[in-house]
Structures are given as C-alpha cells and as structure tokens.
Protein backbone atom coordinates (compact mmCIF):
# COMPACT_ATOMS: atom_id res chain seq x y z
CA UNK A 1 -48.17 -95.06 -182.16
CA UNK A 2 -48.04 -98.31 -181.34
CA UNK A 3 -49.13 -100.61 -184.73
CA UNK A 4 -50.68 -104.16 -183.51
CA UNK A 5 -51.35 -105.85 -186.38
CA UNK A 6 -52.80 -109.77 -186.67
CA UNK A 7 -53.36 -111.79 -189.67
CA UNK A 8 -56.83 -112.97 -190.41
CA UNK A 9 -57.18 -113.75 -186.73
CA UNK A 10 -54.41 -116.90 -187.80
CA UNK A 11 -51.69 -115.71 -185.59
CA UNK A 12 -52.36 -113.22 -182.34
CA UNK A 13 -50.06 -110.94 -180.79
CA UNK A 14 -49.15 -111.31 -177.33
CA UNK A 15 -51.30 -107.65 -176.26
CA UNK A 16 -54.36 -110.02 -178.70
CA UNK A 17 -54.00 -112.93 -177.14
CA UNK A 18 -53.75 -111.18 -173.10
CA UNK A 19 -56.53 -108.77 -174.30
CA UNK A 20 -59.45 -109.87 -171.79
CA UNK A 21 -56.50 -108.80 -168.89
CA UNK A 22 -56.15 -104.92 -168.02
CA UNK A 23 -53.08 -103.35 -167.82
CA UNK A 24 -53.63 -101.72 -164.05
CA UNK A 25 -52.07 -98.55 -163.70
CA UNK A 26 -50.58 -97.32 -160.22
CA UNK A 27 -50.70 -93.59 -160.59
CA UNK A 28 -50.37 -90.14 -159.26
CA UNK A 29 -53.50 -88.60 -158.43
CA UNK A 30 -52.64 -85.86 -160.42
CA UNK A 31 -52.62 -87.60 -163.77
CA UNK A 32 -56.37 -88.92 -163.39
CA UNK A 33 -57.28 -86.44 -166.03
CA UNK A 34 -54.53 -86.93 -168.87
CA UNK A 35 -54.87 -90.74 -168.30
CA UNK A 36 -58.17 -91.64 -167.93
CA UNK A 37 -58.47 -89.15 -171.73
CA UNK A 38 -55.38 -91.02 -173.05
CA UNK A 39 -57.11 -94.76 -171.71
CA UNK A 40 -58.94 -95.28 -175.35
CA UNK A 41 -56.86 -94.08 -177.67
CA UNK A 42 -53.76 -96.83 -176.26
CA UNK A 43 -56.72 -98.88 -176.09
CA UNK A 44 -57.44 -98.43 -179.52
CA UNK A 45 -53.59 -98.72 -180.78
CA UNK A 46 -52.87 -102.27 -178.55
CA UNK A 47 -55.38 -103.95 -180.47
CA UNK A 48 -57.77 -103.99 -177.60
CA UNK A 49 -55.58 -104.22 -174.12
CA UNK A 50 -57.83 -102.10 -171.59
CA UNK A 51 -56.26 -100.61 -168.63
CA UNK A 52 -57.80 -99.95 -165.09
CA UNK A 53 -56.33 -97.02 -162.96
CA UNK A 54 -55.52 -96.87 -159.32
CA UNK A 55 -55.11 -93.20 -158.68
CA UNK A 56 -53.85 -91.80 -155.47
CA UNK A 57 -50.99 -90.34 -153.36
CA UNK A 58 -47.91 -91.52 -154.88
CA UNK A 59 -46.84 -92.73 -151.00
CA UNK A 60 -49.92 -94.56 -150.17
CA UNK A 61 -49.44 -96.24 -153.36
CA UNK A 62 -45.70 -97.74 -153.29
CA UNK A 63 -47.01 -98.41 -149.52
CA UNK A 64 -49.42 -100.83 -151.37
CA UNK A 65 -46.50 -101.51 -154.07
CA UNK A 66 -44.53 -102.92 -151.04
CA UNK A 67 -47.20 -104.82 -149.18
CA UNK A 68 -47.83 -106.94 -152.67
CA UNK A 69 -50.85 -105.11 -154.14
CA UNK A 70 -51.19 -106.40 -157.80
CA UNK A 71 -49.84 -103.75 -160.68
CA UNK A 72 -48.36 -103.35 -163.71
CA UNK A 73 -47.64 -100.22 -163.99
CA UNK A 74 -46.23 -97.09 -161.31
CA UNK A 75 -45.94 -93.80 -162.26
CA UNK A 76 -45.18 -91.55 -158.99
CA UNK A 77 -44.97 -87.85 -158.74
CA UNK A 78 -41.54 -87.78 -157.30
CA UNK A 79 -38.16 -89.68 -157.47
CA UNK A 80 -38.72 -90.64 -153.92
CA UNK A 81 -41.54 -92.62 -153.95
CA UNK A 82 -40.49 -94.55 -157.14
CA UNK A 83 -36.84 -95.08 -154.65
CA UNK A 84 -38.77 -96.77 -152.35
CA UNK A 85 -40.23 -99.40 -154.48
CA UNK A 86 -37.05 -99.61 -156.62
CA UNK A 87 -36.41 -103.45 -155.53
CA UNK A 88 -39.79 -104.08 -157.10
CA UNK A 89 -40.00 -102.23 -160.55
CA UNK A 90 -37.53 -102.02 -163.75
CA UNK A 91 -35.45 -98.81 -164.42
CA UNK A 92 -37.96 -95.90 -164.63
CA UNK A 93 -38.11 -93.29 -167.10
CA UNK A 94 -39.17 -89.86 -166.65
CA UNK A 95 -42.51 -89.01 -168.03
CA UNK A 96 -43.40 -85.39 -167.37
CA UNK A 97 -42.88 -82.80 -164.96
CA UNK A 98 -44.95 -80.22 -163.48
CA UNK A 99 -45.24 -76.78 -161.88
CA UNK A 100 -46.43 -76.27 -158.42
CA UNK A 101 -48.84 -73.02 -157.85
CA UNK A 102 -51.21 -71.42 -154.90
CA UNK A 103 -55.43 -71.90 -155.08
CA UNK A 104 -57.36 -69.35 -153.29
CA UNK A 105 -60.89 -69.34 -152.53
CA UNK A 106 -62.08 -66.92 -155.61
CA UNK A 107 -63.77 -65.15 -152.62
CA UNK A 108 -61.52 -64.98 -150.45
CA UNK A 109 -60.31 -61.65 -149.55
CA UNK A 110 -57.55 -62.60 -147.46
CA UNK A 111 -55.25 -63.84 -149.63
CA UNK A 112 -54.11 -61.47 -152.35
CA UNK A 113 -50.30 -62.57 -152.81
CA UNK A 114 -47.59 -65.70 -151.79
CA UNK A 115 -46.82 -63.44 -148.46
CA UNK A 116 -50.70 -63.53 -147.04
CA UNK A 117 -50.42 -67.36 -146.58
CA UNK A 118 -48.44 -66.44 -142.89
CA UNK A 119 -51.15 -64.05 -142.09
CA UNK A 120 -53.47 -64.29 -138.82
CA UNK A 121 -56.62 -66.25 -139.52
CA UNK A 122 -55.82 -67.94 -143.08
CA UNK A 123 -56.66 -70.96 -143.39
CA UNK A 124 -54.32 -73.45 -145.55
CA UNK A 125 -54.93 -77.08 -146.48
CA UNK A 126 -51.19 -78.53 -147.87
CA UNK A 127 -51.25 -82.78 -148.59
CA UNK A 128 -48.94 -84.29 -146.02
CA UNK A 129 -45.67 -83.79 -146.24
CA UNK A 130 -44.70 -87.77 -147.68
CA UNK A 131 -47.23 -87.09 -150.50
CA UNK A 132 -44.67 -85.73 -153.17
CA UNK A 133 -46.87 -82.38 -153.89
CA UNK A 134 -46.55 -81.95 -149.82
CA UNK A 135 -43.09 -82.34 -149.80
CA UNK A 136 -42.68 -80.15 -152.86
CA UNK A 137 -44.71 -77.73 -151.46
CA UNK A 138 -42.50 -77.06 -148.32
CA UNK A 139 -39.75 -76.86 -150.01
CA UNK A 140 -41.27 -74.22 -151.77
CA UNK A 141 -42.30 -72.30 -148.35
CA UNK A 142 -38.58 -72.51 -147.03
CA UNK A 143 -37.12 -71.48 -150.31
CA UNK A 144 -39.52 -68.20 -150.01
CA UNK A 145 -38.71 -67.79 -146.40
CA UNK A 146 -35.14 -67.06 -147.73
CA UNK A 147 -36.50 -63.91 -149.17
CA UNK A 148 -36.46 -60.64 -147.03
CA UNK A 149 -40.03 -59.34 -148.46
CA UNK A 150 -40.86 -62.86 -146.96
CA UNK A 151 -38.73 -63.24 -143.51
CA UNK A 152 -37.54 -65.71 -141.73
CA UNK A 153 -41.06 -66.70 -140.00
CA UNK A 154 -42.72 -66.91 -142.77
CA UNK A 155 -43.16 -71.25 -142.91
CA UNK A 156 -43.79 -70.39 -139.34
CA UNK A 157 -46.88 -68.43 -139.95
CA UNK A 158 -47.82 -70.24 -142.52
CA UNK A 159 -47.85 -74.04 -140.46
CA UNK A 160 -49.58 -72.23 -137.84
CA UNK A 161 -52.61 -72.02 -140.76
CA UNK A 162 -52.84 -75.21 -141.63
CA UNK A 163 -56.23 -76.78 -140.71
CA UNK A 164 -55.75 -79.87 -142.43
CA UNK A 165 -53.13 -82.44 -144.75
CA UNK A 166 -54.50 -84.21 -147.24
CA UNK A 167 -53.28 -87.57 -148.40
CA UNK A 168 -53.64 -86.53 -152.32
CA UNK A 169 -53.24 -82.86 -154.48
CA UNK A 170 -56.71 -84.07 -155.80
CA UNK A 171 -58.43 -83.53 -151.91
CA UNK A 172 -56.38 -80.11 -151.49
CA UNK A 173 -57.51 -78.58 -154.71
CA UNK A 174 -61.16 -79.92 -154.00
CA UNK A 175 -61.38 -78.26 -150.48
CA UNK A 176 -59.82 -74.81 -152.00
CA UNK A 177 -62.57 -74.94 -154.76
CA UNK A 178 -65.46 -76.11 -151.70
CA UNK A 179 -64.52 -73.00 -149.53
CA UNK A 180 -63.44 -75.71 -146.59
CA UNK A 181 -59.68 -73.28 -146.81
CA UNK A 182 -58.51 -69.60 -147.93
CA UNK A 183 -55.93 -71.73 -150.43
CA UNK A 184 -53.70 -74.86 -150.93
CA UNK A 185 -50.37 -75.68 -152.74
CA UNK A 186 -51.29 -77.81 -155.28
CA UNK A 187 -50.16 -78.63 -159.22
CA UNK A 188 -50.79 -76.39 -161.94
CA UNK A 189 -52.46 -79.44 -163.75
CA UNK A 190 -54.83 -79.83 -160.96
CA UNK A 191 -57.03 -76.79 -161.69
CA UNK A 192 -59.23 -78.30 -163.57
CA UNK A 193 -62.01 -77.12 -165.80
CA UNK A 194 -64.48 -78.14 -162.39
CA UNK A 195 -62.63 -75.92 -160.15
CA UNK A 196 -61.33 -72.95 -162.37
CA UNK A 197 -63.89 -71.12 -161.88
CA UNK A 198 -63.93 -71.45 -157.96
CA UNK A 199 -60.53 -70.35 -157.35
CA UNK A 200 -57.66 -67.72 -158.44
CA UNK A 201 -54.35 -68.77 -158.70
CA UNK A 202 -51.12 -67.45 -157.88
CA UNK A 203 -48.00 -68.36 -159.44
CA UNK A 204 -44.19 -68.56 -157.16
CA UNK A 205 -41.35 -67.16 -158.85
CA UNK A 206 -39.13 -68.06 -160.72
CA UNK A 207 -36.45 -70.74 -159.36
CA UNK A 208 -38.85 -70.72 -155.42
CA UNK A 209 -40.46 -74.02 -156.28
CA UNK A 210 -39.55 -77.16 -157.53
CA UNK A 211 -40.47 -78.61 -160.70
CA UNK A 212 -41.72 -82.04 -160.34
CA UNK A 213 -40.63 -84.82 -162.10
CA UNK A 214 -42.81 -88.35 -162.76
CA UNK A 215 -41.28 -91.04 -163.30
CA UNK A 216 -42.85 -94.30 -164.60
CA UNK A 217 -41.55 -97.88 -164.36
CA UNK A 218 -43.19 -101.77 -165.11
CA UNK A 219 -43.44 -103.49 -162.18
CA UNK A 220 -41.17 -106.72 -162.21
CA UNK A 221 -43.63 -109.02 -161.49
CA UNK A 222 -46.33 -106.96 -163.74
CA UNK A 223 -49.71 -109.71 -164.13
CA UNK A 224 -49.50 -108.28 -167.49
CA UNK A 225 -45.92 -107.82 -168.77
CA UNK A 226 -46.40 -107.03 -172.35
CA UNK A 227 -49.45 -104.93 -171.55
CA UNK A 228 -47.29 -102.74 -169.56
CA UNK A 229 -44.29 -102.58 -171.58
CA UNK A 230 -47.38 -101.69 -174.27
CA UNK A 231 -48.70 -98.13 -172.24
CA UNK A 232 -45.50 -97.42 -171.05
CA UNK A 233 -44.37 -97.47 -175.07
CA UNK A 234 -47.34 -95.48 -175.68
CA UNK A 235 -47.85 -92.73 -173.01
CA UNK A 236 -44.52 -91.79 -173.00
CA UNK A 237 -44.72 -91.85 -177.30
CA UNK A 238 -45.56 -88.10 -178.84
CA UNK A 239 -48.92 -89.45 -179.10
CA UNK A 240 -49.37 -90.58 -175.44
CA UNK A 241 -47.67 -87.27 -174.11
CA UNK A 242 -50.15 -85.32 -176.32
CA UNK A 243 -52.57 -86.00 -173.89
CA UNK A 244 -50.11 -84.63 -171.00
CA UNK A 245 -49.09 -81.69 -172.80
CA UNK A 246 -53.28 -80.71 -173.11
CA UNK A 247 -54.16 -80.63 -169.37
CA UNK A 248 -50.49 -78.71 -168.90
CA UNK A 249 -47.97 -81.08 -168.09
CA UNK A 250 -44.34 -80.43 -169.33
CA UNK A 251 -41.74 -82.42 -170.97
C-alpha cells in the first residue's frame, strides 16, 4: 500500500500539497461499486487526496476525452476504447478482467437457456455495439451460432428480439431487473446484491464469450498528475486489487 509521510508539517509531499485537488477518474460503468469502495482506502493511503469518478460507457467517456474534457485517469472496458485516446494517455496497464453472463428476469419463463434468446417473443436488451460489453456480447453470439446446437440463424433470431440498445452495462442490468426486458448480456460483476434477487444468471459455455480486459492509463495532460499516478499505483497494487476481486473481477 502507498505510504505518504510528512515530517511535522514542515515537508509536504506532492500529494499532500495538492490534496485539495481531487483525482478525476473516467471509468467504465462496470467498475462503479469496486472503485467507490476503494476510494476511502486510497484517500487514507495517499494522505488525504480525494478521488472523483465519472462512470459511463467507455465509448462515451473516450469521446469526452477527445473533445477536451479534463481528467487524470481513464479506465476502459476494452482495448479498443483505450486505443482511441492513445495520443492523450501514457502507456496503459491492464487492471483486471471480467466475464460475460446473461441475466434473465426472475419471472421470465420463456428463457431457460442461451438458445432461448432467439425464440420469438423474447425481449432482449443489449448495450450498443460501440460500448465494450455490447461488442463483447455480439462476438459471443456469433461464436455460439457456430455450434450446430444453436444454428446459423441464431444471431438473426437474437437480433430480432432486441428491444433497446443501452449506453452502458448498468442500464442493461437495470432494465432486466425492473422487468423492462426478459434478458440481457452484462458482466458477471454487474449482478450486484441490489439486483441479484430479481434476476437469474445463465453462463456462457467455456471459450464462447470473450474475456473483458480493463486497461488503465494516466492522461498526459492530467491536471493532477501526481495524484493520477498515485491512484493508478494504488488500484493496481494488491491493496487496490482486493476491492476489485471482492466484487468478482479477475486478474
């Protein structure tokens, strides 16, 4: 864990000197619970540096950065969105990984298996194709369609059942939990205690769904460069990663 020391207030560390300036972190929506849980520990470890999060779809966050939005750290849910802003960031590190699952409304009796997602009348919600989880989901569906058990028309059948495309994974999970759709594809970590009793989880067969990768990077023009580095150092350390592991993220 980071150790920030000051001697009788006479020598202030760089972080202590900038403690009034929070670290601004743009992060994929799926990291919300883990990062918010980790924030107090980071503040304590860094000698009082606060952190402010802006959660959303990685594609939308990348677009904001490209338009000049001020931020210190960017964490995307896939490499493609980090690559979009590569001219703005220092070399990214891999923070964690995640797995895809299908969440089904608890009361939905028309979805008992992944094959049922292509049945007529099923209401499905996905993230938009530009959102990492939406891209991962569509890749998984194409892979499933290669299995004769699902059939060549599987993807077309699922697509015909999509009733909305959301801007981030939390919106997908929320719509299913509220009963606005029968099923949706999210990350395993999005089955939070708040929705766990309202959904059933269907898992993909091994090697059919891509593993989600989360790169993290400090912005070159970070307003709080020292705080940004400290946050990345902390969240990628064993102490920081413990908060992600506690919510189901994988190394």
